[in-house]
C-alpha cells in the first residue's frame, strides 16, 4: 500500500509501509519483505521528504528518522544518519524523545517531523549532520495536538494534519449549538 509520495520535480520517491520499503530502500529488491532495525531496513515507513538532494524517511515502527545526504542510487542503500526516538542513544534530552514519527518535511536546510506518540512536532533549525542529533524546538500547540500525522511547509508556515486534535473548532454560522 502506498503510504506517502513526494516529488521535487525530478524524483518521485514513495513509501510502501505494508512491504517495509521506500522505493527499494529498506529491502534488497522488489520482492523481499524483511523489516529490520539496521540502517538499510525499514519497518512501517510512513513518510518521505526530499529536498536539496537529501532524503528523509519516517521509519515509524522503529521510532526513528533515516537520512540519506545524497539521493540513494542502489537497492537497500544504507542511510547516512539515524535519529532514534525511544531507542538507545547517548542523548537523554527531551528534544530527542519521540515515538511513531509519522510525517516529515524538509527544505534541505531545516527539518520537521510529527511525533505522533508525543502529540507534538520536533524541529531542527539546521538540517541534522550526525546520529541522534537533538531537535532545536518542540511545538506542542498548548496541549491541543492529538496524534499529529502529516506535515508540510512553505518554508515560513507549517501545516499539520492532526488525527485526534483536541482544540475546539468555532461553530459555523447557522450550525446548531454544541451541547
Foldseek 3Di string as FASTA:
>chain_A
DWQEWEDDPPDIWTDDQVQFQIVQFQHQDDPHRDADDFQRHAHRWREWEDAPQKIWIQRAVQQKIFIALHNDDHGSDGGPEIAHAPDDDPDPDPQSHAHRFAEWYDNQAKIKTFRQVVQWMFIANGPDDYYNDGGPDIGRPVVQAHGWHYWYDPVPDIDIDGPRGNDDDDDDVPDDDDD
